Amino acid sequence: MPNLIRSLLMVLLVCGPFATSSGQNLSGEDMRSLDGQVQEIKSDVLSIASELNNLEERLLYPSNTQVAVFVSISEDEEFRLDAVQIDIDGELATHHIYSFKELEALQKGGVQRIYTGNIATGEHQLSVTMLGKLKNGEDFSESQSFAFAKGVEPKTLGVTLGGPGAGNNGIQVGDR
């Protein structure tokens, strides 16, 4: 579906200038009218693309099996987060290596959707591993596992990461 939308957009973008330049006999008012129609078509195509993306997500991740995991950093943490790995039921769900801009956004209170996927209803195990550097330049790694229950409704989990000095609360998981 996204390829169809990209193709339509390309046709509009490529053919648009030719359509307007080939009509040398058109008056200024006709040109404005034609330009308005092209802009309206572009707007319609973008709207359709948005609707198709929403439909695709609902088809790929039905609400009765959907689980989403979000990551944030505890306030006033002074470590540098390098990477996070998420495992669900012993299987790798996702891993992410952070860029400077992503880390900066997380440190300013941002939240990242790191994973969206499908799992069956019932009890599950979530394992979170974080890698980073302390303020003194020393590397650290921390892992923790958490049990959670997936019901019929979509499940959203929030993972809050804290530095190694945070004790047992270095990694916290809760419902969002």
C-alpha atoms as a PDB file:
ATOM      1  CA  MET A   1       0.000   0.000   0.000  1.00  0.00           C
ATOM      2  CA  PRO A   2       2.704   2.544   0.864  1.00  0.00           C
ATOM      3  CA  ASN A   3       4.314   1.901  -2.540  1.00  0.00           C
ATOM      4  CA  LEU A   4       1.047   2.836  -4.261  1.00  0.00           C
ATOM      5  CA  ILE A   5       0.914   6.087  -2.345  1.00  0.00           C
ATOM      6  CA  ARG A   6       4.545   6.878  -3.119  1.00  0.00           C
ATOM      7  CA  SER A   7       3.867   6.186  -6.806  1.00  0.00           C
ATOM      8  CA  LEU A   8       0.862   8.510  -6.828  1.00  0.00           C
ATOM      9  CA  LEU A   9       2.850  11.247  -5.141  1.00  0.00           C
ATOM     10  CA  MET A  10       5.708  10.848  -7.619  1.00  0.00           C
ATOM     11  CA  VAL A  11       3.317  11.083 -10.583  1.00  0.00           C
ATOM     12  CA  LEU A  12       1.778  14.236  -9.148  1.00  0.00           C
ATOM     13  CA  LEU A  13       5.128  15.819  -8.384  1.00  0.00           C
ATOM     14  CA  VAL A  14       6.719  14.891 -11.716  1.00  0.00           C
ATOM     15  CA  CYS A  15       3.733  15.531 -14.002  1.00  0.00           C
ATOM     16  CA  GLY A  16       2.443  18.608 -12.189  1.00  0.00           C
ATOM     17  CA  PRO A  17       4.993  21.043 -13.683  1.00  0.00           C
ATOM     18  CA  PHE A  18       4.567  19.569 -17.190  1.00  0.00           C
ATOM     19  CA  ALA A  19       0.797  19.859 -17.032  1.00  0.00           C
ATOM     20  CA  THR A  20       0.988  23.538 -16.124  1.00  0.00           C
ATOM     21  CA  SER A  21       3.820  24.416 -18.511  1.00  0.00           C
ATOM     22  CA  SER A  22       2.272  22.645 -21.531  1.00  0.00           C
ATOM     23  CA  GLY A  23      -0.788  24.914 -21.446  1.00  0.00           C
ATOM     24  CA  GLN A  24       0.837  28.095 -22.761  1.00  0.00           C
ATOM     25  CA  ASN A  25      -2.567  29.520 -23.808  1.00  0.00           C
ATOM     26  CA  LEU A  26      -3.988  29.406 -20.270  1.00  0.00           C
ATOM     27  CA  SER A  27      -4.805  32.699 -18.603  1.00  0.00           C
ATOM     28  CA  GLY A  28      -3.525  33.593 -15.139  1.00  0.00           C
ATOM     29  CA  GLU A  29      -6.895  32.786 -13.615  1.00  0.00           C
ATOM     30  CA  ASP A  30      -6.926  29.357 -15.273  1.00  0.00           C
ATOM     31  CA  MET A  31      -3.403  28.710 -13.990  1.00  0.00           C
ATOM     32  CA  ARG A  32      -4.428  29.616 -10.416  1.00  0.00           C
ATOM     33  CA  SER A  33      -7.450  27.341 -10.718  1.00  0.00           C
ATOM     34  CA  LEU A  34      -5.295  24.479 -12.020  1.00  0.00           C
ATOM     35  CA  ASP A  35      -2.710  25.057  -9.290  1.00  0.00           C
ATOM     36  CA  GLY A  36      -5.495  24.971  -6.684  1.00  0.00           C
ATOM     37  CA  GLN A  37      -6.746  21.660  -8.069  1.00  0.00           C
ATOM     38  CA  VAL A  38      -3.240  20.172  -7.958  1.00  0.00           C
ATOM     39  CA  GLN A  39      -2.822  21.305  -4.342  1.00  0.00           C
ATOM     40  CA  GLU A  40      -6.212  19.811  -3.451  1.00  0.00           C
ATOM     41  CA  ILE A  41      -5.227  16.487  -5.060  1.00  0.00           C
ATOM     42  CA  LYS A  42      -1.908  16.490  -3.179  1.00  0.00           C
ATOM     43  CA  SER A  43      -3.782  17.134   0.076  1.00  0.00           C
ATOM     44  CA  ASP A  44      -6.200  14.287  -0.683  1.00  0.00           C
ATOM     45  CA  VAL A  45      -3.313  11.903  -1.418  1.00  0.00           C
ATOM     46  CA  LEU A  46      -1.611  12.795   1.882  1.00  0.00           C
ATOM     47  CA  SER A  47      -4.892  12.265   3.742  1.00  0.00           C
ATOM     48  CA  ILE A  48      -5.359   8.874   2.098  1.00  0.00           C
ATOM     49  CA  ALA A  49      -1.770   7.949   2.978  1.00  0.00           C
ATOM     50  CA  SER A  50      -2.427   8.769   6.629  1.00  0.00           C
ATOM     51  CA  GLU A  51      -5.601   6.702   6.670  1.00  0.00           C
ATOM     52  CA  LEU A  52      -3.797   3.773   5.013  1.00  0.00           C
ATOM     53  CA  ASN A  53      -1.011   3.925   7.621  1.00  0.00           C
ATOM     54  CA  ASN A  54      -3.615   3.770  10.409  1.00  0.00           C
ATOM     55  CA  LEU A  55      -5.380   0.862   8.713  1.00  0.00           C
ATOM     56  CA  GLU A  56      -2.082  -0.958   8.203  1.00  0.00           C
ATOM     57  CA  GLU A  57      -1.229  -0.619  11.898  1.00  0.00           C
ATOM     58  CA  ARG A  58      -4.654  -1.939  12.936  1.00  0.00           C
ATOM     59  CA  LEU A  59      -4.267  -4.909  10.575  1.00  0.00           C
ATOM     60  CA  LEU A  60      -0.703  -5.719  11.647  1.00  0.00           C
ATOM     61  CA  TYR A  61      -1.307  -5.202  15.361  1.00  0.00           C
ATOM     62  CA  PRO A  62      -4.913  -6.113  16.259  1.00  0.00           C
ATOM     63  CA  SER A  63      -5.950  -4.656  19.608  1.00  0.00           C
ATOM     64  CA  ASN A  64      -6.538  -8.037  21.257  1.00  0.00           C
ATOM     65  CA  THR A  65      -2.872  -9.076  20.723  1.00  0.00           C
ATOM     66  CA  GLN A  66      -1.094  -5.696  20.704  1.00  0.00           C
ATOM     67  CA  VAL A  67       1.626  -4.819  23.162  1.00  0.00           C
ATOM     68  CA  ALA A  68       3.628  -1.583  23.082  1.00  0.00           C
ATOM     69  CA  VAL A  69       6.709  -0.761  25.155  1.00  0.00           C
ATOM     70  CA  PHE A  70       7.799   2.827  25.854  1.00  0.00           C
ATOM     71  CA  VAL A  71      11.161   3.939  27.287  1.00  0.00           C
ATOM     72  CA  SER A  72      11.980   7.019  29.358  1.00  0.00           C
ATOM     73  CA  ILE A  73      14.811   8.097  31.658  1.00  0.00           C
ATOM     74  CA  SER A  74      14.329   8.996  35.325  1.00  0.00           C
ATOM     75  CA  GLU A  75      14.543  12.696  36.119  1.00  0.00           C
ATOM     76  CA  ASP A  76      17.942  14.166  36.996  1.00  0.00           C
ATOM     77  CA  GLU A  77      19.917  11.117  35.842  1.00  0.00           C
ATOM     78  CA  GLU A  78      23.500  11.851  34.850  1.00  0.00           C
ATOM     79  CA  PHE A  79      24.476   8.716  32.976  1.00  0.00           C
ATOM     80  CA  ARG A  80      24.733   8.361  29.203  1.00  0.00           C
ATOM     81  CA  LEU A  81      22.391   5.713  27.842  1.00  0.00           C
ATOM     82  CA  ASP A  82      24.006   3.897  24.913  1.00  0.00           C
ATOM     83  CA  ALA A  83      21.594   1.044  24.151  1.00  0.00           C
ATOM     84  CA  VAL A  84      18.492  -0.807  25.342  1.00  0.00           C
ATOM     85  CA  GLN A  85      17.465  -4.384  24.600  1.00  0.00           C
ATOM     86  CA  ILE A  86      13.949  -5.723  25.209  1.00  0.00           C
ATOM     87  CA  ASP A  87      13.180  -9.460  25.359  1.00  0.00           C
ATOM     88  CA  ILE A  88       9.674 -10.876  25.713  1.00  0.00           C
ATOM     89  CA  ASP A  89       9.366 -14.474  26.899  1.00  0.00           C
ATOM     90  CA  GLY A  90      13.057 -15.074  26.220  1.00  0.00           C
ATOM     91  CA  GLU A  91      12.857 -13.897  22.592  1.00  0.00           C
ATOM     92  CA  LEU A  92      14.502 -10.689  21.379  1.00  0.00           C
ATOM     93  CA  ALA A  93      11.723  -8.159  20.768  1.00  0.00           C
ATOM     94  CA  THR A  94      13.924  -5.181  19.909  1.00  0.00           C
ATOM     95  CA  HIS A  95      17.152  -3.364  20.641  1.00  0.00           C
ATOM     96  CA  HIS A  96      18.063   0.249  20.048  1.00  0.00           C
ATOM     97  CA  ILE A  97      21.333   2.190  20.013  1.00  0.00           C
ATOM     98  CA  TYR A  98      20.794   5.830  20.939  1.00  0.00           C
ATOM     99  CA  SER A  99      22.079   8.816  19.020  1.00  0.00           C
ATOM    100  CA  PHE A 100      23.033  12.040  20.785  1.00  0.00           C
ATOM    101  CA  LYS A 101      19.766  13.745  19.784  1.00  0.00           C
ATOM    102  CA  GLU A 102      17.622  10.815  20.960  1.00  0.00           C
ATOM    103  CA  LEU A 103      19.436  10.715  24.298  1.00  0.00           C
ATOM    104  CA  GLU A 104      19.039  14.465  24.690  1.00  0.00           C
ATOM    105  CA  ALA A 105      15.291  14.173  24.042  1.00  0.00           C
ATOM    106  CA  LEU A 106      14.956  11.392  26.636  1.00  0.00           C
ATOM    107  CA  GLN A 107      16.924  13.415  29.198  1.00  0.00           C
ATOM    108  CA  LYS A 108      14.523  16.332  28.667  1.00  0.00           C
ATOM    109  CA  GLY A 109      11.539  14.132  29.557  1.00  0.00           C
ATOM    110  CA  GLY A 110      10.842  12.530  26.180  1.00  0.00           C
ATOM    111  CA  VAL A 111       9.340   9.087  25.783  1.00  0.00           C
ATOM    112  CA  GLN A 112      10.247   6.652  22.996  1.00  0.00           C
ATOM    113  CA  ARG A 113       7.981   3.905  21.674  1.00  0.00           C
ATOM    114  CA  ILE A 114      10.650   1.261  21.329  1.00  0.00           C
ATOM    115  CA  TYR A 115       8.459  -1.733  20.458  1.00  0.00           C
ATOM    116  CA  THR A 116       5.017  -2.608  19.123  1.00  0.00           C
ATOM    117  CA  GLY A 117       4.134  -6.224  18.520  1.00  0.00           C
ATOM    118  CA  ASN A 118       1.693  -9.072  19.012  1.00  0.00           C
ATOM    119  CA  ILE A 119       1.515 -11.522  21.894  1.00  0.00           C
ATOM    120  CA  ALA A 120      -1.167 -13.893  23.131  1.00  0.00           C
ATOM    121  CA  THR A 121      -3.236 -13.155  26.210  1.00  0.00           C
ATOM    122  CA  GLY A 122      -1.824 -14.545  29.451  1.00  0.00           C
ATOM    123  CA  GLU A 123       1.281 -14.231  31.612  1.00  0.00           C
ATOM    124  CA  HIS A 124       4.540 -13.072  30.044  1.00  0.00           C
ATOM    125  CA  GLN A 125       8.111 -12.183  31.015  1.00  0.00           C
ATOM    126  CA  LEU A 126       9.727  -8.876  29.966  1.00  0.00           C
ATOM    127  CA  SER A 127      13.518  -8.548  30.242  1.00  0.00           C
ATOM    128  CA  VAL A 128      15.183  -5.153  29.916  1.00  0.00           C
ATOM    129  CA  THR A 129      18.924  -4.628  29.480  1.00  0.00           C
ATOM    130  CA  MET A 130      20.507  -1.190  29.347  1.00  0.00           C
ATOM    131  CA  LEU A 131      24.079  -0.266  28.496  1.00  0.00           C
ATOM    132  CA  GLY A 132      25.649   3.089  29.175  1.00  0.00           C
ATOM    133  CA  LYS A 133      28.465   5.168  30.614  1.00  0.00           C
ATOM    134  CA  LEU A 134      28.712   6.802  33.997  1.00  0.00           C
ATOM    135  CA  LYS A 135      29.724  10.424  34.431  1.00  0.00           C
ATOM    136  CA  ASN A 136      33.284   9.296  35.258  1.00  0.00           C
ATOM    137  CA  GLY A 137      33.490   7.431  31.904  1.00  0.00           C
ATOM    138  CA  GLU A 138      33.070   3.937  33.341  1.00  0.00           C
ATOM    139  CA  ASP A 139      30.869   1.535  31.344  1.00  0.00           C
ATOM    140  CA  PHE A 140      27.891  -0.116  33.026  1.00  0.00           C
ATOM    141  CA  SER A 141      25.264  -2.686  32.151  1.00  0.00           C
ATOM    142  CA  GLU A 142      22.094  -3.502  34.033  1.00  0.00           C
ATOM    143  CA  SER A 143      19.392  -6.109  33.389  1.00  0.00           C
ATOM    144  CA  GLN A 144      16.121  -6.893  35.103  1.00  0.00           C
ATOM    145  CA  SER A 145      13.128  -9.104  34.370  1.00  0.00           C
ATOM    146  CA  PHE A 146       9.486  -8.372  35.065  1.00  0.00           C
ATOM    147  CA  ALA A 147       6.302 -10.423  34.854  1.00  0.00           C
ATOM    148  CA  PHE A 148       3.214  -8.897  33.247  1.00  0.00           C
ATOM    149  CA  ALA A 149      -0.231 -10.076  32.226  1.00  0.00           C
ATOM    150  CA  LYS A 150      -1.685  -9.453  28.780  1.00  0.00           C
ATOM    151  CA  GLY A 151      -5.474  -9.285  28.692  1.00  0.00           C
ATOM    152  CA  VAL A 152      -7.854  -8.860  25.761  1.00  0.00           C
ATOM    153  CA  GLU A 153      -7.224  -5.108  25.560  1.00  0.00           C
ATOM    154  CA  PRO A 154      -4.034  -3.614  24.084  1.00  0.00           C
ATOM    155  CA  LYS A 155      -1.188  -3.584  26.618  1.00  0.00           C
ATOM    156  CA  THR A 156       1.158  -0.622  27.028  1.00  0.00           C
ATOM    157  CA  LEU A 157       4.201  -0.865  29.273  1.00  0.00           C
ATOM    158  CA  GLY A 158       6.413   1.990  30.383  1.00  0.00           C
ATOM    159  CA  VAL A 159      10.083   1.290  31.108  1.00  0.00           C
ATOM    160  CA  THR A 160      11.816   3.948  33.208  1.00  0.00           C
ATOM    161  CA  LEU A 161      15.607   3.728  33.268  1.00  0.00           C
ATOM    162  CA  GLY A 162      17.776   4.983  36.116  1.00  0.00           C
ATOM    163  CA  GLY A 163      21.521   4.916  36.635  1.00  0.00           C
ATOM    164  CA  PRO A 164      23.386   2.218  38.569  1.00  0.00           C
ATOM    165  CA  GLY A 165      23.192   4.252  41.794  1.00  0.00           C
ATOM    166  CA  ALA A 166      19.412   3.859  41.864  1.00  0.00           C
ATOM    167  CA  GLY A 167      19.576   0.494  43.677  1.00  0.00           C
ATOM    168  CA  ASN A 168      16.839  -2.029  42.862  1.00  0.00           C
ATOM    169  CA  ASN A 169      14.910   0.701  41.094  1.00  0.00           C
ATOM    170  CA  GLY A 170      17.449   1.172  38.270  1.00  0.00           C
ATOM    171  CA  ILE A 171      14.890  -0.204  35.815  1.00  0.00           C
ATOM    172  CA  GLN A 172      11.199   0.166  36.537  1.00  0.00           C
ATOM    173  CA  VAL A 173       8.310  -1.204  34.497  1.00  0.00           C
ATOM    174  CA  GLY A 174       4.682  -0.244  34.838  1.00  0.00           C
ATOM    175  CA  ASP A 175       1.475   0.119  32.875  1.00  0.00           C
ATOM    176  CA  ARG A 176       1.094   3.324  30.879  1.00  0.00           C
END
